[in-house]
């Protein structure tokens, strides 16, 4: 279609899609599986005489309050197949009832059923489950000629015929699909995940701007010849160490200044950027130092993200160094990951020079004992 003369804002509106495709559907169809369950217990007295009959039919029973179909059990007491006598059993649909179980006007029902024999304790045994089958005018009977060996019914160790009485249980489930369709005109909303992501991006952007432009700052952080302007409230909200500096009678509170001498300028800057934006960036050579400064100032979120970032860089050659870092900085997640990595790659790691040096260093003896125990407990 020729786009000449079409307003650009109109095109933008057409392209806007904040919700999922499913949320913009014009029709909603619902399918429910409806189930009607019932059971029938048939007591066959004088079982020893029943073998004289070719077929025995049970009294008619009805399939629950909804369907009201008429059913019977068909029993073949003694069917000889390949020299073995079997008891055969079938579920027979005698007549359809007045029911909501219909399929395009035809009389057809979907049924799942199970046969069992009750033992001397009344417990169901020798179950035979029949998967979903369809009963219709042309298919009214389903079952099994070889349901159970006659000899098994009279087993001396686990008899199923008690006092010459055989108890047969038939459990039936009639299933049907009920469909409904309704027209929908739902508004289009972004998902909660999309809204949460947008909020975080906006907060991070605002934080970066406050730090970069030094908006309404009230504290100066000095690292060597470099100073950073920041906000006491933001630093205190993220770090209990900074909070103590600015609320107790300490020099930092009096002079509105914090001097950091044990970390490099770029590390302190990255730490402050994280406090304002919550973003750590890709792992690099500075990330271990971020873990250390996070530990010193109790910046839990930065510490956690630094642990995750460092764990992604694990390899045979740096595993021991990362293990010692995690140990000294109380980084439990990183320590666990590193021990697991070393245990899984112990042959390669043990060949490295740093492993051999650390293993023989008395200062790291306890750490390597812990590593040994972690291998044995895994």
Protein backbone atom coordinates (compact mmCIF):
# COMPACT_ATOMS: atom_id res chain seq x y z
CA UNK A 1 0.00 0.00 0.00
CA UNK A 2 1.30 3.47 -0.87
CA UNK A 3 2.35 5.26 2.32
CA UNK A 4 2.24 8.79 0.87
CA UNK A 5 0.14 11.19 2.93
CA UNK A 6 -0.12 8.88 5.97
CA UNK A 7 0.53 10.65 9.25
CA UNK A 8 3.72 9.33 10.95
CA UNK A 9 2.10 9.44 14.41
CA UNK A 10 -0.70 7.24 13.07
CA UNK A 11 1.85 4.69 11.86
CA UNK A 12 3.51 4.73 15.29
CA UNK A 13 0.19 4.08 16.99
CA UNK A 14 -0.43 1.10 14.72
CA UNK A 15 2.95 -0.36 15.55
CA UNK A 16 2.48 0.04 19.32
CA UNK A 17 2.06 -3.35 21.01
CA UNK A 18 2.45 -3.46 24.77
CA UNK A 19 0.59 -6.69 25.46
CA UNK A 20 0.95 -10.27 24.30
CA UNK A 21 -0.68 -11.64 21.15
CA UNK A 22 -3.03 -13.78 23.26
CA UNK A 23 -4.31 -10.70 25.05
CA UNK A 24 -5.47 -9.16 21.76
CA UNK A 25 -7.61 -12.13 20.65
CA UNK A 26 -11.16 -11.31 19.52
CA UNK A 27 -12.68 -14.56 20.76
CA UNK A 28 -12.09 -16.67 23.84
CA UNK A 29 -12.87 -20.37 23.67
CA UNK A 30 -12.87 -22.52 26.80
CA UNK A 31 -12.80 -26.31 26.83
CA UNK A 32 -13.59 -28.16 30.05
CA UNK A 33 -13.28 -31.88 30.60
CA UNK A 34 -16.39 -32.95 32.50
CA UNK A 35 -16.30 -36.27 34.29
CA UNK A 36 -18.95 -38.48 35.85
CA UNK A 37 -17.68 -41.33 37.98
CA UNK A 38 -19.54 -44.30 39.45
CA UNK A 39 -18.86 -47.91 40.44
CA UNK A 40 -20.64 -51.25 40.61
CA UNK A 41 -19.85 -54.12 43.00
CA UNK A 42 -21.10 -57.54 41.91
CA UNK A 43 -21.10 -60.46 44.40
CA UNK A 44 -21.27 -63.82 42.67
CA UNK A 45 -22.22 -66.50 45.21
CA UNK A 46 -21.72 -70.23 44.66
CA UNK A 47 -18.79 -69.52 42.37
CA UNK A 48 -17.94 -73.22 41.96
CA UNK A 49 -21.22 -73.75 40.12
CA UNK A 50 -20.76 -70.73 37.84
CA UNK A 51 -18.34 -72.56 35.57
CA UNK A 52 -21.30 -74.54 34.25
CA UNK A 53 -22.55 -71.41 32.54
CA UNK A 54 -21.02 -70.05 29.36
CA UNK A 55 -22.05 -66.49 30.21
CA UNK A 56 -23.50 -64.76 33.28
CA UNK A 57 -24.99 -61.27 33.08
CA UNK A 58 -25.17 -58.96 36.05
CA UNK A 59 -28.24 -56.97 37.06
CA UNK A 60 -28.58 -53.66 35.19
CA UNK A 61 -27.05 -50.65 36.89
CA UNK A 62 -27.21 -46.99 35.96
CA UNK A 63 -24.36 -44.58 35.30
CA UNK A 64 -24.78 -41.86 37.84
CA UNK A 65 -27.18 -38.95 38.32
CA UNK A 66 -26.26 -37.10 35.12
CA UNK A 67 -26.08 -39.67 32.36
CA UNK A 68 -28.45 -42.39 33.61
CA UNK A 69 -27.17 -44.86 31.02
CA UNK A 70 -28.00 -48.52 31.61
CA UNK A 71 -25.07 -50.92 32.03
CA UNK A 72 -24.37 -54.60 32.65
CA UNK A 73 -21.33 -56.70 33.37
CA UNK A 74 -20.89 -59.78 31.21
CA UNK A 75 -18.98 -62.60 32.85
CA UNK A 76 -17.54 -65.64 31.06
CA UNK A 77 -16.63 -67.92 34.01
CA UNK A 78 -14.55 -70.45 32.15
CA UNK A 79 -13.12 -69.80 28.70
CA UNK A 80 -10.44 -72.23 27.52
CA UNK A 81 -7.76 -70.57 25.41
CA UNK A 82 -4.69 -72.57 24.38
CA UNK A 83 -5.30 -75.08 27.17
CA UNK A 84 -5.69 -72.45 29.94
CA UNK A 85 -9.00 -71.56 31.57
CA UNK A 86 -9.67 -67.86 31.93
CA UNK A 87 -12.38 -65.76 33.48
CA UNK A 88 -13.50 -63.16 30.95
CA UNK A 89 -15.24 -59.90 31.83
CA UNK A 90 -16.89 -57.15 29.77
CA UNK A 91 -18.68 -53.86 30.35
CA UNK A 92 -21.84 -53.70 28.24
CA UNK A 93 -23.92 -50.61 27.43
CA UNK A 94 -27.55 -51.78 27.51
CA UNK A 95 -29.23 -48.50 26.68
CA UNK A 96 -28.46 -44.80 26.40
CA UNK A 97 -30.06 -42.59 29.01
CA UNK A 98 -31.36 -39.05 28.72
CA UNK A 99 -28.00 -37.33 28.88
CA UNK A 100 -25.99 -34.26 27.98
CA UNK A 101 -23.26 -36.60 26.65
CA UNK A 102 -23.79 -36.05 22.92
CA UNK A 103 -21.47 -35.62 19.96
CA UNK A 104 -22.96 -33.82 16.96
CA UNK A 105 -26.33 -35.45 17.51
CA UNK A 106 -25.00 -39.02 17.55
CA UNK A 107 -25.30 -41.28 20.56
CA UNK A 108 -21.70 -41.74 21.57
CA UNK A 109 -19.93 -41.61 24.93
CA UNK A 110 -16.25 -41.69 25.89
CA UNK A 111 -15.55 -44.03 28.79
CA UNK A 112 -12.60 -45.15 30.88
CA UNK A 113 -13.14 -48.10 33.21
CA UNK A 114 -11.34 -50.52 35.51
CA UNK A 115 -12.06 -54.09 36.65
CA UNK A 116 -10.82 -55.40 40.03
CA UNK A 117 -11.35 -58.46 42.22
CA UNK A 118 -11.81 -57.92 45.95
CA UNK A 119 -9.65 -60.15 48.13
CA UNK A 120 -10.50 -61.59 51.54
CA UNK A 121 -9.72 -58.21 53.16
CA UNK A 122 -11.98 -56.31 50.80
CA UNK A 123 -9.01 -54.74 48.99
CA UNK A 124 -9.06 -54.34 45.21
CA UNK A 125 -6.55 -56.61 43.48
CA UNK A 126 -5.68 -57.71 39.96
CA UNK A 127 -6.78 -54.37 38.43
CA UNK A 128 -7.24 -54.13 34.69
CA UNK A 129 -7.42 -50.56 33.40
CA UNK A 130 -9.07 -49.86 30.08
CA UNK A 131 -7.97 -46.59 28.44
CA UNK A 132 -10.48 -44.22 26.92
CA UNK A 133 -12.86 -46.04 24.55
CA UNK A 134 -16.08 -45.01 22.83
CA UNK A 135 -19.40 -46.72 23.40
CA UNK A 136 -21.92 -46.21 20.60
CA UNK A 137 -24.82 -47.96 18.91
CA UNK A 138 -22.35 -50.02 16.89
CA UNK A 139 -19.87 -50.63 19.71
CA UNK A 140 -21.66 -51.47 22.96
CA UNK A 141 -19.27 -53.92 24.66
CA UNK A 142 -15.65 -53.65 25.78
CA UNK A 143 -13.62 -56.03 27.91
CA UNK A 144 -11.20 -58.93 28.04
CA UNK A 145 -11.64 -62.67 27.49
CA UNK A 146 -8.39 -63.33 29.33
CA UNK A 147 -9.02 -61.08 32.35
CA UNK A 148 -7.65 -63.53 34.94
CA UNK A 149 -6.66 -67.20 35.09
CA UNK A 150 -9.24 -69.34 36.85
CA UNK A 151 -6.43 -71.01 38.79
CA UNK A 152 -5.33 -67.63 40.17
CA UNK A 153 -8.77 -67.08 41.66
CA UNK A 154 -8.32 -70.20 43.77
CA UNK A 155 -4.66 -69.70 44.65
CA UNK A 156 -3.95 -71.21 48.10
CA UNK A 157 -1.54 -68.37 48.96
CA UNK A 158 -3.80 -65.49 47.95
CA UNK A 159 -7.32 -66.74 47.25
CA UNK A 160 -9.71 -64.34 45.54
CA UNK A 161 -12.73 -66.60 45.93
CA UNK A 162 -13.67 -66.45 49.62
CA UNK A 163 -16.36 -68.76 51.03
CA UNK A 164 -17.22 -69.69 47.44
CA UNK A 165 -18.03 -66.02 46.71
CA UNK A 166 -16.40 -63.91 43.99
CA UNK A 167 -16.61 -60.12 44.37
CA UNK A 168 -16.05 -58.11 41.20
CA UNK A 169 -15.68 -54.32 41.19
CA UNK A 170 -16.20 -52.17 38.11
CA UNK A 171 -15.27 -48.47 38.28
CA UNK A 172 -16.41 -46.23 35.41
CA UNK A 173 -15.54 -42.69 34.35
CA UNK A 174 -17.61 -41.04 31.62
CA UNK A 175 -15.75 -38.12 30.04
CA UNK A 176 -16.93 -35.31 27.83
CA UNK A 177 -15.57 -32.05 26.45
CA UNK A 178 -17.73 -28.98 26.94
CA UNK A 179 -16.86 -25.96 24.79
CA UNK A 180 -17.83 -22.33 25.18
CA UNK A 181 -16.97 -19.36 22.97
CA UNK A 182 -17.28 -15.68 23.84
CA UNK A 183 -16.36 -12.54 22.04
CA UNK A 184 -13.63 -10.45 23.67
CA UNK A 185 -12.66 -6.81 23.37
CA UNK A 186 -9.93 -6.59 26.00
CA UNK A 187 -7.74 -3.53 26.46
CA UNK A 188 -4.10 -4.04 25.66
CA UNK A 189 -1.80 -3.81 28.67
CA UNK A 190 1.93 -4.46 29.01
CA UNK A 191 2.83 -7.51 31.03
CA UNK A 192 3.94 -7.16 34.63
CA UNK A 193 7.43 -8.23 33.54
CA UNK A 194 7.54 -5.48 30.92
CA UNK A 195 6.30 -2.85 33.38
CA UNK A 196 8.80 -3.95 36.01
CA UNK A 197 11.63 -3.78 33.48
CA UNK A 198 10.56 -0.29 32.37
CA UNK A 199 10.40 0.95 35.97
CA UNK A 200 13.89 -0.40 36.70
CA UNK A 201 15.31 1.18 33.55
CA UNK A 202 13.76 4.54 34.43
CA UNK A 203 15.04 4.40 38.03
CA UNK A 204 18.50 3.46 36.78
CA UNK A 205 18.46 6.32 34.27
CA UNK A 206 17.39 8.81 36.93
CA UNK A 207 20.05 7.53 39.30
CA UNK A 208 22.79 7.82 36.69
CA UNK A 209 21.70 11.40 35.96
CA UNK A 210 21.71 12.39 39.65
CA UNK A 211 25.24 11.03 40.06
CA UNK A 212 26.63 12.37 36.79
CA UNK A 213 25.17 15.88 37.16
CA UNK A 214 25.72 16.07 40.96
CA UNK A 215 22.12 17.13 41.56
CA UNK A 216 21.55 18.36 45.16
CA UNK A 217 24.55 16.45 46.51
CA UNK A 218 25.58 16.75 50.15
CA UNK A 219 28.68 14.56 50.57
CA UNK A 220 32.08 14.45 48.86
CA UNK A 221 34.03 11.21 48.44
CA UNK A 222 37.74 11.66 47.86
CA UNK A 223 40.00 9.05 46.25
CA UNK A 224 43.53 10.36 45.81
CA UNK A 225 43.26 13.51 43.69
CA UNK A 226 39.74 12.72 42.53
CA UNK A 227 36.48 13.67 44.20
CA UNK A 228 32.94 12.35 43.66
CA UNK A 229 29.83 14.15 44.82
CA UNK A 230 27.04 12.00 46.22
CA UNK A 231 23.99 11.91 48.49
CA UNK A 232 24.06 10.77 52.11
CA UNK A 233 20.54 9.40 51.94
CA UNK A 234 21.24 7.22 48.92
CA UNK A 235 24.52 5.91 50.30
CA UNK A 236 22.94 5.25 53.71
CA UNK A 237 19.98 3.39 52.19
CA UNK A 238 22.34 0.98 50.46
CA UNK A 239 25.12 0.64 53.03
CA UNK A 240 24.87 0.37 56.83
CA UNK A 241 28.54 1.37 56.98
CA UNK A 242 27.88 4.70 55.26
CA UNK A 243 24.74 5.11 57.37
CA UNK A 244 26.83 4.82 60.55
CA UNK A 245 29.33 7.38 59.23
CA UNK A 246 26.60 9.96 58.58
CA UNK A 247 24.52 9.44 61.72
CA UNK A 248 27.12 8.84 64.46
CA UNK A 249 29.54 11.45 65.79
CA UNK A 250 32.22 10.69 63.23
CA UNK A 251 34.46 12.94 61.19
CA UNK A 252 32.63 12.08 57.98
CA UNK A 253 29.42 13.53 59.45
CA UNK A 254 31.13 16.72 60.62
CA UNK A 255 33.07 17.40 57.42
CA UNK A 256 30.55 15.98 54.93
CA UNK A 257 33.44 14.11 53.41
CA UNK A 258 34.59 10.53 53.06
CA UNK A 259 38.19 9.66 52.20
CA UNK A 260 38.88 6.25 50.67
CA UNK A 261 42.51 5.20 50.50
CA UNK A 262 42.39 1.45 49.94
CA UNK A 263 40.59 1.33 46.58
CA UNK A 264 41.38 2.76 43.17
CA UNK A 265 39.47 5.64 41.62
CA UNK A 266 37.78 3.52 38.95
CA UNK A 267 36.65 0.95 41.55
CA UNK A 268 35.07 3.62 43.75
CA UNK A 269 33.42 5.20 40.72
CA UNK A 270 31.97 1.86 39.62
CA UNK A 271 30.76 1.22 43.16
CA UNK A 272 28.96 4.59 43.23
CA UNK A 273 27.49 4.02 39.78
CA UNK A 274 26.07 0.72 40.99
CA UNK A 275 24.57 2.36 44.09
CA UNK A 276 22.78 4.87 41.87
CA UNK A 277 21.77 2.60 38.97
CA UNK A 278 21.92 -1.02 40.16
CA UNK A 279 23.99 -1.96 37.11
CA UNK A 280 27.33 -3.75 37.30
CA UNK A 281 28.16 -4.32 33.65
CA UNK A 282 30.05 -7.22 32.10
CA UNK A 283 32.69 -9.10 34.18
CA UNK A 284 36.21 -7.63 33.83
CA UNK A 285 39.45 -7.34 35.76
CA UNK A 286 37.82 -4.77 38.06
CA UNK A 287 35.02 -7.09 39.24
CA UNK A 288 37.03 -8.81 42.04
CA UNK A 289 37.80 -5.36 43.49
CA UNK A 290 34.09 -4.53 43.37
CA UNK A 291 33.46 -7.65 45.44
CA UNK A 292 36.02 -6.42 47.98
CA UNK A 293 34.59 -2.90 48.25
CA UNK A 294 31.08 -4.32 48.51
CA UNK A 295 32.21 -6.49 51.41
CA UNK A 296 33.87 -3.54 53.17
CA UNK A 297 30.81 -1.27 52.95
CA UNK A 298 28.17 -4.01 53.30
CA UNK A 299 26.70 -3.39 49.86
CA UNK A 300 24.80 -6.67 49.70
CA UNK A 301 23.32 -6.30 46.21
CA UNK A 302 26.62 -5.27 44.65
CA UNK A 303 28.36 -8.13 46.42
CA UNK A 304 25.81 -10.64 45.14
CA UNK A 305 26.03 -9.37 41.56
CA UNK A 306 29.82 -9.38 41.72
CA UNK A 307 29.75 -13.00 42.91
CA UNK A 308 27.51 -13.99 40.00
CA UNK A 309 29.72 -12.13 37.52
CA UNK A 310 32.97 -13.68 38.79
CA UNK A 311 31.43 -17.18 38.86
CA UNK A 312 30.82 -16.89 35.12
CA UNK A 313 34.56 -16.48 34.51
CA UNK A 314 35.67 -19.65 36.32
CA UNK A 315 38.27 -21.72 34.50
CA UNK A 316 41.03 -24.18 35.38
CA UNK A 317 43.68 -21.48 35.69
CA UNK A 318 41.85 -18.94 37.88
CA UNK A 319 39.76 -21.27 40.06
CA UNK A 320 42.18 -21.34 43.02
CA UNK A 321 42.64 -17.57 43.00
CA UNK A 322 38.85 -17.06 42.91
CA UNK A 323 38.43 -19.58 45.74
CA UNK A 324 40.81 -17.62 47.96
CA UNK A 325 39.07 -14.37 47.04
CA UNK A 326 35.66 -15.82 47.89
CA UNK A 327 37.02 -17.16 51.18
CA UNK A 328 38.54 -13.86 52.33
CA UNK A 329 35.46 -11.84 51.28
CA UNK A 330 32.88 -14.17 52.88
CA UNK A 331 31.31 -14.74 49.47
CA UNK A 332 29.46 -17.99 50.20
CA UNK A 333 27.79 -18.39 46.81
CA UNK A 334 31.00 -17.81 44.88
CA UNK A 335 32.91 -20.09 47.24
CA UNK A 336 30.43 -22.93 46.79
CA UNK A 337 30.48 -22.56 42.99
CA UNK A 338 34.26 -22.52 42.91
CA UNK A 339 34.63 -25.59 45.15
CA UNK A 340 32.19 -27.47 42.96
CA UNK A 341 34.12 -26.41 39.83
CA UNK A 342 37.45 -27.52 41.33
CA UNK A 343 36.02 -30.88 42.44
CA UNK A 344 34.62 -31.47 38.96
CA UNK A 345 37.91 -30.53 37.29
CA UNK A 346 40.36 -31.57 40.01
CA UNK A 347 42.83 -33.36 37.74
CA UNK A 348 43.41 -30.25 35.59
CA UNK A 349 43.30 -27.75 38.46
CA UNK A 350 45.81 -29.72 40.57
CA UNK A 351 48.36 -29.45 37.76
CA UNK A 352 48.39 -25.64 37.90
CA UNK A 353 51.24 -23.85 39.64
CA UNK A 354 48.94 -21.71 41.78
CA UNK A 355 47.18 -24.78 43.15
CA UNK A 356 50.45 -26.43 44.12
CA UNK A 357 51.68 -23.25 45.81
CA UNK A 358 48.41 -22.62 47.66
CA UNK A 359 48.10 -26.25 48.78
CA UNK A 360 51.51 -26.02 50.47
CA UNK A 361 50.90 -22.60 52.04
CA UNK A 362 50.11 -22.85 55.79
CA UNK A 363 47.92 -19.75 55.46
CA UNK A 364 45.48 -21.58 53.21
CA UNK A 365 45.60 -24.94 54.98
CA UNK A 366 42.11 -24.63 56.50
CA UNK A 367 40.63 -23.62 53.16
CA UNK A 368 42.01 -26.69 51.41
CA UNK A 369 40.79 -28.92 54.25
CA UNK A 370 37.32 -27.46 53.66
CA UNK A 371 37.72 -28.09 49.93
CA UNK A 372 38.65 -31.72 50.62
CA UNK A 373 35.59 -32.24 52.84
CA UNK A 374 33.32 -30.63 50.26
CA UNK A 375 34.51 -33.22 47.72
CA UNK A 376 33.72 -36.10 50.06
CA UNK A 377 30.28 -34.75 50.98
CA UNK A 378 29.18 -34.09 47.40
